[in-house]
C-alpha atoms as a PDB file:
ATOM      1  CA  MET A   1      18.236   8.725  12.728  1.00  0.00           C
ATOM      2  CA  SER A   2      20.967  10.514  14.595  1.00  0.00           C
ATOM      3  CA  ASN A   3      24.388   9.554  15.929  1.00  0.00           C
ATOM      4  CA  THR A   4      27.017  11.458  17.842  1.00  0.00           C
ATOM      5  CA  GLY A   5      30.708  11.675  17.100  1.00  0.00           C
ATOM      6  CA  GLY A   6      32.869  13.449  19.687  1.00  0.00           C
ATOM      7  CA  SER A   7      31.220  15.644  22.295  1.00  0.00           C
ATOM      8  CA  ALA A   8      27.516  16.187  21.664  1.00  0.00           C
ATOM      9  CA  ASP A   9      27.785  19.547  23.458  1.00  0.00           C
ATOM     10  CA  THR A  10      30.399  20.979  21.090  1.00  0.00           C
ATOM     11  CA  ALA A  11      30.202  19.053  17.804  1.00  0.00           C
ATOM     12  CA  ALA A  12      28.402  20.635  14.880  1.00  0.00           C
ATOM     13  CA  THR A  13      25.495  18.821  13.305  1.00  0.00           C
ATOM     14  CA  VAL A  14      25.771  17.783   9.660  1.00  0.00           C
ATOM     15  CA  GLN A  15      22.497  16.946   7.945  1.00  0.00           C
ATOM     16  CA  LEU A  16      23.274  14.150   5.476  1.00  0.00           C
ATOM     17  CA  LEU A  17      20.789  13.990   2.597  1.00  0.00           C
ATOM     18  CA  VAL A  18      21.724  10.965   0.481  1.00  0.00           C
ATOM     19  CA  ASP A  19      19.049   8.681  -0.931  1.00  0.00           C
ATOM     20  CA  ASP A  20      21.231   5.635  -1.644  1.00  0.00           C
ATOM     21  CA  ASP A  21      21.511   3.531   1.531  1.00  0.00           C
ATOM     22  CA  ALA A  22      25.047   2.230   0.912  1.00  0.00           C
ATOM     23  CA  ASN A  23      26.491   5.652   0.086  1.00  0.00           C
ATOM     24  CA  ARG A  24      24.671   7.263   3.009  1.00  0.00           C
ATOM     25  CA  GLU A  25      26.037   4.735   5.497  1.00  0.00           C
ATOM     26  CA  ALA A  26      29.580   5.075   4.137  1.00  0.00           C
ATOM     27  CA  LEU A  27      29.487   8.871   4.387  1.00  0.00           C
ATOM     28  CA  GLN A  28      27.892   8.732   7.806  1.00  0.00           C
ATOM     29  CA  THR A  29      30.728   6.567   9.095  1.00  0.00           C
ATOM     30  CA  ILE A  30      33.257   9.130   7.880  1.00  0.00           C
ATOM     31  CA  LEU A  31      31.378  12.153   9.211  1.00  0.00           C
ATOM     32  CA  GLU A  32      30.807  10.671  12.665  1.00  0.00           C
ATOM     33  CA  ARG A  33      34.531  10.898  13.344  1.00  0.00           C
ATOM     34  CA  ARG A  34      34.034  14.647  13.802  1.00  0.00           C
ATOM     35  CA  TYR A  35      30.372  15.673  13.758  1.00  0.00           C
ATOM     36  CA  VAL A  36      26.906  14.865  14.986  1.00  0.00           C
ATOM     37  CA  VAL A  37      25.119  13.368  11.969  1.00  0.00           C
ATOM     38  CA  THR A  38      21.429  13.453  11.205  1.00  0.00           C
ATOM     39  CA  THR A  39      19.791  11.835   8.195  1.00  0.00           C
ATOM     40  CA  ASP A  40      16.352  13.346   8.810  1.00  0.00           C
ATOM     41  CA  ALA A  41      15.093  14.549   5.417  1.00  0.00           C
ATOM     42  CA  SER A  42      11.783  16.043   6.567  1.00  0.00           C
ATOM     43  CA  GLU A  43      13.058  19.521   7.509  1.00  0.00           C
ATOM     44  CA  LEU A  44      16.209  21.608   7.663  1.00  0.00           C
ATOM     45  CA  SER A  45      17.815  20.712  10.988  1.00  0.00           C
ATOM     46  CA  GLY A  46      21.615  20.760  10.759  1.00  0.00           C
ATOM     47  CA  ASP A  47      24.337  23.363  11.094  1.00  0.00           C
ATOM     48  CA  LEU A  48      25.385  22.304   7.601  1.00  0.00           C
ATOM     49  CA  VAL A  49      23.801  20.239   4.818  1.00  0.00           C
ATOM     50  CA  LEU A  50      25.758  17.631   2.829  1.00  0.00           C
ATOM     51  CA  VAL A  51      23.882  16.312  -0.191  1.00  0.00           C
ATOM     52  CA  ASP A  52      25.044  14.247  -3.170  1.00  0.00           C
ATOM     53  CA  ASP A  53      24.294  15.108  -6.802  1.00  0.00           C
ATOM     54  CA  ARG A  54      21.771  12.265  -7.220  1.00  0.00           C
ATOM     55  CA  SER A  55      19.750  13.312  -4.163  1.00  0.00           C
ATOM     56  CA  PHE A  56      19.807  17.060  -4.698  1.00  0.00           C
ATOM     57  CA  ALA A  57      16.569  17.235  -6.706  1.00  0.00           C
ATOM     58  CA  SER A  58      14.548  15.302  -4.106  1.00  0.00           C
ATOM     59  CA  SER A  59      16.073  17.320  -1.231  1.00  0.00           C
ATOM     60  CA  ARG A  60      15.839  20.775  -2.775  1.00  0.00           C
ATOM     61  CA  ASP A  61      12.550  21.749  -1.132  1.00  0.00           C
ATOM     62  CA  VAL A  62      13.985  20.989   2.312  1.00  0.00           C
ATOM     63  CA  ILE A  63      17.201  22.907   1.579  1.00  0.00           C
ATOM     64  CA  GLU A  64      15.318  25.979   0.387  1.00  0.00           C
ATOM     65  CA  THR A  65      12.982  26.118   3.405  1.00  0.00           C
ATOM     66  CA  PRO A  66      14.229  28.504   6.162  1.00  0.00           C
ATOM     67  CA  ASP A  67      14.313  27.305   9.774  1.00  0.00           C
ATOM     68  CA  ASP A  68      12.534  30.421  11.007  1.00  0.00           C
ATOM     69  CA  GLU A  69      10.891  32.919   8.679  1.00  0.00           C
ATOM     70  CA  ASP A  70      11.295  35.670  11.264  1.00  0.00           C
ATOM     71  CA  ARG A  71      15.054  35.201  11.454  1.00  0.00           C
ATOM     72  CA  LEU A  72      17.637  35.378   8.689  1.00  0.00           C
ATOM     73  CA  GLU A  73      19.383  31.984   8.567  1.00  0.00           C
ATOM     74  CA  PHE A  74      22.663  30.865   7.061  1.00  0.00           C
ATOM     75  CA  THR A  75      22.829  27.091   6.664  1.00  0.00           C
ATOM     76  CA  PRO A  76      25.726  26.169   4.353  1.00  0.00           C
ATOM     77  CA  VAL A  77      25.028  23.545   1.677  1.00  0.00           C
ATOM     78  CA  VAL A  78      27.799  21.281   0.353  1.00  0.00           C
ATOM     79  CA  LEU A  79      27.223  19.197  -2.774  1.00  0.00           C
ATOM     80  CA  LEU A  80      29.111  15.916  -3.224  1.00  0.00           C
ATOM     81  CA  ARG A  81      29.666  15.495  -6.972  1.00  0.00           C
ATOM     82  CA  ARG A  82      30.589  12.298  -8.777  1.00  0.00           C
ATOM     83  CA  ALA A  83      33.002  12.356 -11.728  1.00  0.00           C
ATOM     84  CA  GLY A  84      31.268  13.276 -14.977  1.00  0.00           C
ATOM     85  CA  THR A  85      28.271  14.940 -13.309  1.00  0.00           C
ATOM     86  CA  ARG A  86      27.249  18.219 -14.924  1.00  0.00           C
ATOM     87  CA  LEU A  87      26.226  20.935 -12.502  1.00  0.00           C
ATOM     88  CA  ASP A  88      23.865  23.834 -13.102  1.00  0.00           C
ATOM     89  CA  GLU A  89      26.180  26.814 -12.574  1.00  0.00           C
ATOM     90  CA  SER A  90      23.276  29.013 -11.477  1.00  0.00           C
ATOM     91  CA  LEU A  91      23.194  27.033  -8.210  1.00  0.00           C
ATOM     92  CA  LEU A  92      26.653  28.404  -7.372  1.00  0.00           C
ATOM     93  CA  THR A  93      26.082  32.053  -8.294  1.00  0.00           C
ATOM     94  CA  THR A  94      24.635  34.995  -6.390  1.00  0.00           C
ATOM     95  CA  GLY A  95      21.099  35.942  -7.397  1.00  0.00           C
ATOM     96  CA  PRO A  96      20.237  39.147  -9.319  1.00  0.00           C
ATOM     97  CA  SER A  97      19.193  40.904  -6.108  1.00  0.00           C
ATOM     98  CA  GLY A  98      22.110  39.648  -4.022  1.00  0.00           C
ATOM     99  CA  GLU A  99      20.537  36.374  -2.852  1.00  0.00           C
ATOM    100  CA  ARG A 100      22.994  33.779  -1.579  1.00  0.00           C
ATOM    101  CA  PRO A 101      23.779  30.877  -3.937  1.00  0.00           C
ATOM    102  CA  LEU A 102      21.887  27.679  -3.119  1.00  0.00           C
ATOM    103  CA  ILE A 103      25.122  25.652  -2.985  1.00  0.00           C
ATOM    104  CA  ASP A 104      28.078  27.046  -1.045  1.00  0.00           C
ATOM    105  CA  GLU A 105      30.702  24.402  -1.777  1.00  0.00           C
ATOM    106  CA  VAL A 106      31.267  21.468  -4.151  1.00  0.00           C
ATOM    107  CA  VAL A 107      33.347  18.455  -3.106  1.00  0.00           C
ATOM    108  CA  ASP A 108      34.324  15.928  -5.765  1.00  0.00           C
ATOM    109  CA  ALA A 109      34.055  12.190  -5.184  1.00  0.00           C
ATOM    110  CA  PRO A 110      35.708   9.965  -4.182  1.00  0.00           C
ATOM    111  CA  VAL A 111      35.707  11.578  -0.752  1.00  0.00           C
ATOM    112  CA  GLN A 112      39.034  12.322   0.935  1.00  0.00           C
ATOM    113  CA  PRO A 113      38.166  12.757   4.634  1.00  0.00           C
ATOM    114  CA  THR A 114      40.889  15.329   5.364  1.00  0.00           C
ATOM    115  CA  ILE A 115      39.785  17.603   2.514  1.00  0.00           C
ATOM    116  CA  LEU A 116      36.098  17.079   3.324  1.00  0.00           C
ATOM    117  CA  PHE A 117      36.588  17.957   7.003  1.00  0.00           C
ATOM    118  CA  ARG A 118      38.529  21.101   6.117  1.00  0.00           C
ATOM    119  CA  ARG A 119      35.815  22.318   3.745  1.00  0.00           C
ATOM    120  CA  LEU A 120      33.024  21.598   6.225  1.00  0.00           C
ATOM    121  CA  ASP A 121      34.896  23.135   9.156  1.00  0.00           C
ATOM    122  CA  ASN A 122      35.428  26.388   7.226  1.00  0.00           C
ATOM    123  CA  LEU A 123      31.731  26.678   6.406  1.00  0.00           C
ATOM    124  CA  ILE A 124      30.646  25.812   9.934  1.00  0.00           C
ATOM    125  CA  THR A 125      32.983  28.522  11.247  1.00  0.00           C
ATOM    126  CA  ARG A 126      31.311  31.006   8.910  1.00  0.00           C
ATOM    127  CA  ARG A 127      27.913  29.958  10.227  1.00  0.00           C
ATOM    128  CA  ARG A 128      29.051  30.411  13.839  1.00  0.00           C
ATOM    129  CA  GLN A 129      30.372  33.892  13.015  1.00  0.00           C
ATOM    130  CA  PHE A 130      27.108  34.749  11.268  1.00  0.00           C
ATOM    131  CA  GLU A 131      25.094  33.634  14.294  1.00  0.00           C
ATOM    132  CA  LEU A 132      27.330  35.623  16.640  1.00  0.00           C
ATOM    133  CA  LEU A 133      26.907  38.795  14.584  1.00  0.00           C
ATOM    134  CA  GLN A 134      23.176  38.253  14.359  1.00  0.00           C
ATOM    135  CA  ASN A 135      22.854  37.812  18.120  1.00  0.00           C
ATOM    136  CA  GLN A 136      24.967  40.914  18.719  1.00  0.00           C
ATOM    137  CA  ASN A 137      22.793  42.918  16.335  1.00  0.00           C
ATOM    138  CA  GLU A 138      19.615  41.740  18.055  1.00  0.00           C
ATOM    139  CA  GLN A 139      21.031  42.671  21.464  1.00  0.00           C
ATOM    140  CA  LEU A 140      22.144  46.061  20.140  1.00  0.00           C
ATOM    141  CA  GLU A 141      18.708  46.756  18.704  1.00  0.00           C
ATOM    142  CA  ALA A 142      16.995  45.774  21.953  1.00  0.00           C
ATOM    143  CA  PHE A 143      19.420  47.957  23.929  1.00  0.00           C
ATOM    144  CA  ALA A 144      18.887  50.895  21.577  1.00  0.00           C
ATOM    145  CA  ASP A 145      15.114  50.590  21.878  1.00  0.00           C
ATOM    146  CA  VAL A 146      15.343  50.740  25.662  1.00  0.00           C
ATOM    147  CA  VAL A 147      17.785  53.650  25.612  1.00  0.00           C
ATOM    148  CA  SER A 148      15.683  55.477  23.059  1.00  0.00           C
ATOM    149  CA  HIS A 149      12.529  55.152  25.151  1.00  0.00           C
ATOM    150  CA  ASP A 150      14.210  55.948  28.463  1.00  0.00           C
ATOM    151  CA  LEU A 151      16.106  58.938  27.087  1.00  0.00           C
ATOM    152  CA  ARG A 152      13.542  60.453  24.779  1.00  0.00           C
ATOM    153  CA  ASN A 153      10.876  60.939  27.435  1.00  0.00           C
ATOM    154  CA  PRO A 154      13.066  63.010  29.788  1.00  0.00           C
ATOM    155  CA  LEU A 155      14.554  64.849  26.787  1.00  0.00           C
ATOM    156  CA  GLN A 156      11.097  65.893  25.625  1.00  0.00           C
ATOM    157  CA  ILE A 157      10.183  66.990  29.153  1.00  0.00           C
ATOM    158  CA  ALA A 158      13.413  68.978  29.534  1.00  0.00           C
ATOM    159  CA  THR A 159      12.945  70.657  26.150  1.00  0.00           C
ATOM    160  CA  GLY A 160       9.361  71.577  26.938  1.00  0.00           C
ATOM    161  CA  ARG A 161      10.206  72.993  30.367  1.00  0.00           C
ATOM    162  CA  LEU A 162      13.110  74.952  28.872  1.00  0.00           C
ATOM    163  CA  GLU A 163      10.753  76.603  26.392  1.00  0.00           C
ATOM    164  CA  LEU A 164       8.480  77.625  29.263  1.00  0.00           C
ATOM    165  CA  LEU A 165      11.409  79.080  31.198  1.00  0.00           C
ATOM    166  CA  GLU A 166      12.992  80.894  28.251  1.00  0.00           C
ATOM    167  CA  SER A 167      10.675  83.912  28.360  1.00  0.00           C
ATOM    168  CA  SER A 168      11.303  84.466  32.071  1.00  0.00           C
ATOM    169  CA  VAL A 169      15.105  84.347  31.852  1.00  0.00           C
ATOM    170  CA  PRO A 170      16.773  87.800  31.768  1.00  0.00           C
ATOM    171  CA  THR A 171      18.425  88.788  28.498  1.00  0.00           C
ATOM    172  CA  ASP A 172      21.899  88.706  29.995  1.00  0.00           C
ATOM    173  CA  GLU A 173      21.264  85.106  31.143  1.00  0.00           C
ATOM    174  CA  GLN A 174      19.890  83.811  27.833  1.00  0.00           C
ATOM    175  CA  VAL A 175      23.297  82.376  26.967  1.00  0.00           C
ATOM    176  CA  HIS A 176      22.650  79.668  29.561  1.00  0.00           C
ATOM    177  CA  VAL A 177      19.346  78.785  27.925  1.00  0.00           C
ATOM    178  CA  GLU A 178      21.113  78.501  24.559  1.00  0.00           C
ATOM    179  CA  GLU A 179      23.800  76.229  26.007  1.00  0.00           C
ATOM    180  CA  ILE A 180      21.162  73.946  27.537  1.00  0.00           C
ATOM    181  CA  GLN A 181      19.240  73.840  24.256  1.00  0.00           C
ATOM    182  CA  THR A 182      22.419  72.938  22.355  1.00  0.00           C
ATOM    183  CA  SER A 183      23.151  70.120  24.780  1.00  0.00           C
ATOM    184  CA  LEU A 184      19.618  68.741  24.517  1.00  0.00           C
ATOM    185  CA  GLU A 185      19.798  68.815  20.721  1.00  0.00           C
ATOM    186  CA  ARG A 186      23.109  66.973  20.773  1.00  0.00           C
ATOM    187  CA  MET A 187      21.640  64.306  23.052  1.00  0.00           C
ATOM    188  CA  GLU A 188      18.760  63.881  20.591  1.00  0.00           C
ATOM    189  CA  LYS A 189      21.303  63.424  17.773  1.00  0.00           C
ATOM    190  CA  ILE A 190      23.086  60.729  19.766  1.00  0.00           C
ATOM    191  CA  VAL A 191      19.828  58.864  20.364  1.00  0.00           C
ATOM    192  CA  GLU A 192      18.926  59.046  16.664  1.00  0.00           C
ATOM    193  CA  SER A 193      22.387  57.816  15.648  1.00  0.00           C
ATOM    194  CA  MET A 194      22.241  54.912  18.070  1.00  0.00           C
ATOM    195  CA  LEU A 195      18.885  53.861  16.673  1.00  0.00           C
ATOM    196  CA  THR A 196      20.158  54.065  13.101  1.00  0.00           C
ATOM    197  CA  LEU A 197      23.206  51.944  13.919  1.00  0.00           C
ATOM    198  CA  ALA A 198      21.091  49.365  15.704  1.00  0.00           C
ATOM    199  CA  GLN A 199      18.453  49.183  12.995  1.00  0.00           C
ATOM    200  CA  ARG A 200      21.008  48.926  10.198  1.00  0.00           C
ATOM    201  CA  GLY A 201      23.061  46.243  11.938  1.00  0.00           C
ATOM    202  CA  ASN A 202      25.267  44.239   9.572  1.00  0.00           C
ATOM    203  CA  ASP A 203      22.538  43.180   7.190  1.00  0.00           C
ATOM    204  CA  THR A 204      20.940  44.793   4.172  1.00  0.00           C
ATOM    205  CA  GLY A 205      17.412  44.433   2.941  1.00  0.00           C
ATOM    206  CA  ALA A 206      16.650  43.378  -0.617  1.00  0.00           C
ATOM    207  CA  LEU A 207      19.258  44.575  -3.113  1.00  0.00           C
ATOM    208  CA  THR A 208      17.541  46.118  -6.116  1.00  0.00           C
ATOM    209  CA  PRO A 209      18.683  48.284  -9.041  1.00  0.00           C
ATOM    210  CA  VAL A 210      18.615  51.885  -7.815  1.00  0.00           C
ATOM    211  CA  SER A 211      19.673  55.166  -9.354  1.00  0.00           C
ATOM    212  CA  VAL A 212      22.536  56.721  -7.397  1.00  0.00           C
ATOM    213  CA  GLY A 213      21.515  60.148  -8.683  1.00  0.00           C
ATOM    214  CA  ASP A 214      17.893  59.828  -7.591  1.00  0.00           C
ATOM    215  CA  VAL A 215      18.792  58.551  -4.123  1.00  0.00           C
ATOM    216  CA  ALA A 216      21.383  61.309  -3.691  1.00  0.00           C
ATOM    217  CA  ASP A 217      18.725  63.901  -4.602  1.00  0.00           C
ATOM    218  CA  ASP A 218      16.349  62.426  -2.014  1.00  0.00           C
ATOM    219  CA  ALA A 219      19.087  62.546   0.614  1.00  0.00           C
ATOM    220  CA  TRP A 220      19.998  66.158  -0.167  1.00  0.00           C
ATOM    221  CA  ALA A 221      16.348  67.181   0.153  1.00  0.00           C
ATOM    222  CA  VAL A 222      16.430  66.455   3.902  1.00  0.00           C
ATOM    223  CA  ILE A 223      19.721  68.291   4.562  1.00  0.00           C
ATOM    224  CA  ASP A 224      19.365  71.750   6.109  1.00  0.00           C
ATOM    225  CA  ALA A 225      22.211  73.536   4.359  1.00  0.00           C
ATOM    226  CA  PRO A 226      21.014  76.796   2.730  1.00  0.00           C
ATOM    227  CA  ASP A 227      24.572  78.016   2.183  1.00  0.00           C
ATOM    228  CA  ALA A 228      25.813  74.853   0.468  1.00  0.00           C
ATOM    229  CA  THR A 229      25.661  73.999  -3.245  1.00  0.00           C
ATOM    230  CA  PHE A 230      24.818  70.484  -4.437  1.00  0.00           C
ATOM    231  CA  VAL A 231      26.045  69.099  -7.770  1.00  0.00           C
ATOM    232  CA  ASN A 232      24.704  65.695  -8.840  1.00  0.00           C
ATOM    233  CA  SER A 233      26.427  63.992 -11.792  1.00  0.00           C
ATOM    234  CA  ALA A 234      25.306  60.434 -11.011  1.00  0.00           C
ATOM    235  CA  ALA A 235      22.044  60.379 -12.965  1.00  0.00           C
ATOM    236  CA  GLU A 236      23.351  57.632 -15.269  1.00  0.00           C
ATOM    237  CA  THR A 237      24.737  55.445 -12.445  1.00  0.00           C
ATOM    238  CA  THR A 238      22.546  52.492 -11.434  1.00  0.00           C
ATOM    239  CA  ILE A 239      23.735  49.980  -8.837  1.00  0.00           C
ATOM    240  CA  LEU A 240      22.495  47.047  -6.765  1.00  0.00           C
ATOM    241  CA  ALA A 241      21.776  48.336  -3.261  1.00  0.00           C
ATOM    242  CA  ASP A 242      19.312  48.626  -0.419  1.00  0.00           C
ATOM    243  CA  GLU A 243      17.743  51.965  -1.406  1.00  0.00           C
ATOM    244  CA  ASP A 244      16.947  53.154   2.125  1.00  0.00           C
ATOM    245  CA  GLN A 245      20.417  52.318   3.379  1.00  0.00           C
ATOM    246  CA  LEU A 246      22.055  53.984   0.378  1.00  0.00           C
ATOM    247  CA  GLN A 247      20.158  57.152   1.231  1.00  0.00           C
ATOM    248  CA  THR A 248      21.460  56.848   4.802  1.00  0.00           C
ATOM    249  CA  ILE A 249      25.021  56.832   3.439  1.00  0.00           C
ATOM    250  CA  PHE A 250      24.431  60.022   1.455  1.00  0.00           C
ATOM    251  CA  GLU A 251      22.626  61.829   4.272  1.00  0.00           C
ATOM    252  CA  ASN A 252      25.478  61.228   6.704  1.00  0.00           C
ATOM    253  CA  LEU A 253      28.228  62.090   4.214  1.00  0.00           C
ATOM    254  CA  PHE A 254      26.388  65.299   3.276  1.00  0.00           C
ATOM    255  CA  ARG A 255      25.924  66.287   6.927  1.00  0.00           C
ATOM    256  CA  ASN A 256      29.580  65.520   7.593  1.00  0.00           C
ATOM    257  CA  ALA A 257      30.608  67.818   4.738  1.00  0.00           C
ATOM    258  CA  VAL A 258      28.321  70.652   5.844  1.00  0.00           C
ATOM    259  CA  GLU A 259      29.340  70.444   9.500  1.00  0.00           C
ATOM    260  CA  HIS A 260      33.077  70.107   8.886  1.00  0.00           C
ATOM    261  CA  GLY A 261      33.689  71.681   5.513  1.00  0.00           C
ATOM    262  CA  THR A 262      33.678  75.429   6.152  1.00  0.00           C
ATOM    263  CA  ALA A 263      36.779  77.162   4.854  1.00  0.00           C
ATOM    264  CA  GLY A 264      39.272  77.543   7.660  1.00  0.00           C
ATOM    265  CA  GLU A 265      37.915  74.568   9.619  1.00  0.00           C
ATOM    266  CA  SER A 266      39.074  70.980   9.128  1.00  0.00           C
ATOM    267  CA  ALA A 267      37.119  67.844   9.932  1.00  0.00           C
ATOM    268  CA  GLY A 268      38.720  66.444  13.005  1.00  0.00           C
ATOM    269  CA  SER A 269      39.830  69.886  14.174  1.00  0.00           C
ATOM    270  CA  GLU A 270      40.302  70.222  17.897  1.00  0.00           C
ATOM    271  CA  THR A 271      39.057  73.829  17.811  1.00  0.00           C
ATOM    272  CA  GLU A 272      35.467  74.883  17.607  1.00  0.00           C
ATOM    273  CA  GLY A 273      34.227  77.394  15.069  1.00  0.00           C
ATOM    274  CA  THR A 274      31.050  78.596  13.452  1.00  0.00           C
ATOM    275  CA  LEU A 275      30.369  76.203  10.556  1.00  0.00           C
ATOM    276  CA  THR A 276      28.165  77.838   7.943  1.00  0.00           C
ATOM    277  CA  GLY A 277      28.488  75.015   5.424  1.00  0.00           C
ATOM    278  CA  ALA A 278      29.172  77.449   2.529  1.00  0.00           C
ATOM    279  CA  ILE A 279      30.679  74.766   0.315  1.00  0.00           C
ATOM    280  CA  GLU A 280      29.968  72.765  -2.814  1.00  0.00           C
ATOM    281  CA  ILE A 281      29.162  69.069  -2.412  1.00  0.00           C
ATOM    282  CA  ALA A 282      29.241  66.812  -5.458  1.00  0.00           C
ATOM    283  CA  VAL A 283      28.158  63.250  -6.190  1.00  0.00           C
ATOM    284  CA  SER A 284      29.363  61.308  -9.226  1.00  0.00           C
ATOM    285  CA  GLY A 285      29.520  57.723 -10.449  1.00  0.00           C
ATOM    286  CA  ILE A 286      32.689  55.760 -11.139  1.00  0.00           C
ATOM    287  CA  GLU A 287      33.270  52.369 -12.753  1.00  0.00           C
ATOM    288  CA  ASP A 288      32.729  50.300  -9.609  1.00  0.00           C
ATOM    289  CA  GLY A 289      30.957  52.701  -7.292  1.00  0.00           C
ATOM    290  CA  PHE A 290      30.388  56.370  -6.554  1.00  0.00           C
ATOM    291  CA  VAL A 291      32.107  59.433  -5.074  1.00  0.00           C
ATOM    292  CA  VAL A 292      30.997  62.127  -2.623  1.00  0.00           C
ATOM    293  CA  GLU A 293      33.350  65.112  -2.458  1.00  0.00           C
ATOM    294  CA  ASP A 294      33.444  68.747  -1.430  1.00  0.00           C
ATOM    295  CA  ASP A 295      35.604  71.836  -1.771  1.00  0.00           C
ATOM    296  CA  GLY A 296      35.825  72.551   1.931  1.00  0.00           C
ATOM    297  CA  ALA A 297      38.829  72.769   4.216  1.00  0.00           C
ATOM    298  CA  GLY A 298      39.689  69.087   3.867  1.00  0.00           C
ATOM    299  CA  ILE A 299      41.288  66.711   6.354  1.00  0.00           C
ATOM    300  CA  PRO A 300      45.003  66.645   7.158  1.00  0.00           C
ATOM    301  CA  PRO A 301      46.682  63.461   5.810  1.00  0.00           C
ATOM    302  CA  GLU A 302      47.685  62.311   9.293  1.00  0.00           C
ATOM    303  CA  LYS A 303      44.034  62.310  10.395  1.00  0.00           C
ATOM    304  CA  ARG A 304      42.383  60.631   7.400  1.00  0.00           C
ATOM    305  CA  GLU A 305      42.783  57.071   8.638  1.00  0.00           C
ATOM    306  CA  ARG A 306      41.482  58.014  12.087  1.00  0.00           C
ATOM    307  CA  VAL A 307      38.371  59.653  10.645  1.00  0.00           C
ATOM    308  CA  LEU A 308      37.264  56.270   9.305  1.00  0.00           C
ATOM    309  CA  GLU A 309      37.841  54.559  12.648  1.00  0.00           C
ATOM    310  CA  ARG A 310      34.673  53.653  14.531  1.00  0.00           C
ATOM    311  CA  GLY A 311      33.754  56.097  17.260  1.00  0.00           C
ATOM    312  CA  TYR A 312      36.174  58.812  16.138  1.00  0.00           C
ATOM    313  CA  SER A 313      35.034  62.358  16.841  1.00  0.00           C
ATOM    314  CA  GLY A 314      36.999  65.478  16.042  1.00  0.00           C
ATOM    315  CA  GLY A 315      36.012  67.176  19.281  1.00  0.00           C
ATOM    316  CA  ASP A 316      33.790  69.685  17.438  1.00  0.00           C
ATOM    317  CA  GLY A 317      30.528  68.839  19.170  1.00  0.00           C
ATOM    318  CA  GLY A 318      29.528  66.069  16.782  1.00  0.00           C
ATOM    319  CA  THR A 319      28.324  62.692  17.953  1.00  0.00           C
ATOM    320  CA  GLY A 320      31.112  60.763  16.259  1.00  0.00           C
ATOM    321  CA  LEU A 321      28.495  58.300  14.998  1.00  0.00           C
ATOM    322  CA  GLY A 322      27.714  59.679  11.535  1.00  0.00           C
ATOM    323  CA  LEU A 323      30.611  57.970   9.800  1.00  0.00           C
ATOM    324  CA  ASP A 324      30.083  54.884  11.974  1.00  0.00           C
ATOM    325  CA  ILE A 325      26.682  54.594  10.336  1.00  0.00           C
ATOM    326  CA  VAL A 326      28.236  55.009   6.898  1.00  0.00           C
ATOM    327  CA  LEU A 327      30.830  52.312   7.637  1.00  0.00           C
ATOM    328  CA  THR A 328      28.179  49.927   8.941  1.00  0.00           C
ATOM    329  CA  VAL A 329      26.026  50.266   5.824  1.00  0.00           C
ATOM    330  CA  VAL A 330      29.001  50.078   3.445  1.00  0.00           C
ATOM    331  CA  GLU A 331      30.293  46.917   5.126  1.00  0.00           C
ATOM    332  CA  ALA A 332      26.818  45.352   5.146  1.00  0.00           C
ATOM    333  CA  HIS A 333      26.779  45.699   1.356  1.00  0.00           C
ATOM    334  CA  GLY A 334      30.275  44.222   1.025  1.00  0.00           C
ATOM    335  CA  TRP A 335      31.619  47.511  -0.338  1.00  0.00           C
ATOM    336  CA  ASP A 336      34.774  49.460   0.529  1.00  0.00           C
ATOM    337  CA  ILE A 337      35.170  53.126   1.435  1.00  0.00           C
ATOM    338  CA  THR A 338      38.303  55.253   1.315  1.00  0.00           C
ATOM    339  CA  LEU A 339      38.971  58.876   2.172  1.00  0.00           C
ATOM    340  CA  GLU A 340      41.179  61.085   0.029  1.00  0.00           C
ATOM    341  CA  GLU A 341      41.696  64.750  -0.783  1.00  0.00           C
ATOM    342  CA  SER A 342      39.382  66.094  -3.495  1.00  0.00           C
ATOM    343  CA  ASP A 343      40.731  67.987  -6.508  1.00  0.00           C
ATOM    344  CA  ALA A 344      39.465  71.179  -4.862  1.00  0.00           C
ATOM    345  CA  GLY A 345      41.378  70.447  -1.644  1.00  0.00           C
ATOM    346  CA  GLY A 346      38.392  69.243   0.343  1.00  0.00           C
ATOM    347  CA  THR A 347      37.353  65.692   1.256  1.00  0.00           C
ATOM    348  CA  GLN A 348      36.561  62.878  -1.140  1.00  0.00           C
ATOM    349  CA  PHE A 349      34.830  59.667  -0.052  1.00  0.00           C
ATOM    350  CA  LEU A 350      35.117  56.848  -2.596  1.00  0.00           C
ATOM    351  CA  VAL A 351      32.766  53.877  -2.243  1.00  0.00           C
ATOM    352  CA  THR A 352      33.961  50.940  -4.392  1.00  0.00           C
ATOM    353  CA  GLY A 353      33.256  47.251  -4.895  1.00  0.00           C
ATOM    354  CA  VAL A 354      29.736  48.151  -5.997  1.00  0.00           C
ATOM    355  CA  THR A 355      27.811  46.100  -8.569  1.00  0.00           C
ATOM    356  CA  ARG A 356      26.802  48.334 -11.483  1.00  0.00           C
ATOM    357  CA  VAL A 357      23.622  47.677 -13.430  1.00  0.00           C
ATOM    358  CA  GLU A 358      23.710  48.579 -17.117  1.00  0.00           C
END
């Protein structure tokens, strides 16, 4: 049974799951002032679900069933609670691995239409924003796949042909070969960064307890920095995170430190220099997160805010996407990141808002 209130093209659909006929009809009359209303209880079909406390048990299977197993869905659930009804608080809390609560909002009876509409409108707006972000991420991933395929093939051909030509180029002309090779390598970095951004999107995988120290060690193992020293003091720090994405954070922060941290060169510097990466990089745990810092040249105060802006590049030959990837992953977890000067005068990235596991 379905009825339309307002424009069917623009109105959100509220799925009303109330077993009692009289209460269902009364609520439906109120809701139809603003929304399309469906009372179909066979499957999840609305933009938002409104269920009363007496019908929740019989409707739970429908509420917990996703619309499309191949697509992450966000269908807000609002529970209408009568006076004196006791509610299982676990239904309102985030799961141990970061799962969304089963109930997003509780509205107490008797219903006041103005308050009810405001609560529902806020949740529907969140759903619309979620869908928009999801669509953007899917488009970005599709675009990145195309770019990756279309760019990688000619890059591989160009690199191969350059290797064949290298031996025939006179010694005094080898500088041109080196410049071409550097450009090709930078293009490959850009492609890899684009793919990482697209694949990460704004969503995390399953959040599980992970050791910050172990993940940092794994990340350091793939960093080519023979002149740098790594100090890991986070062995006792365990947090809820997507392990692969956490490693991505560390890899990019470590590379950023190595590439920009040489004494005499500042991240964000407009001048180019030879960066040997002869610095110390340290990871440690704090009460609500973790810290990555170094003893390199540091970043001038006036440039620190800009460094954490998306797309910022210091003009030193980097892609400008490394910290974009870090920001994307941090935001997907709901964390915060700030940039300060380390005690040794280098850079210090603080990631906070993290759930610690004892």
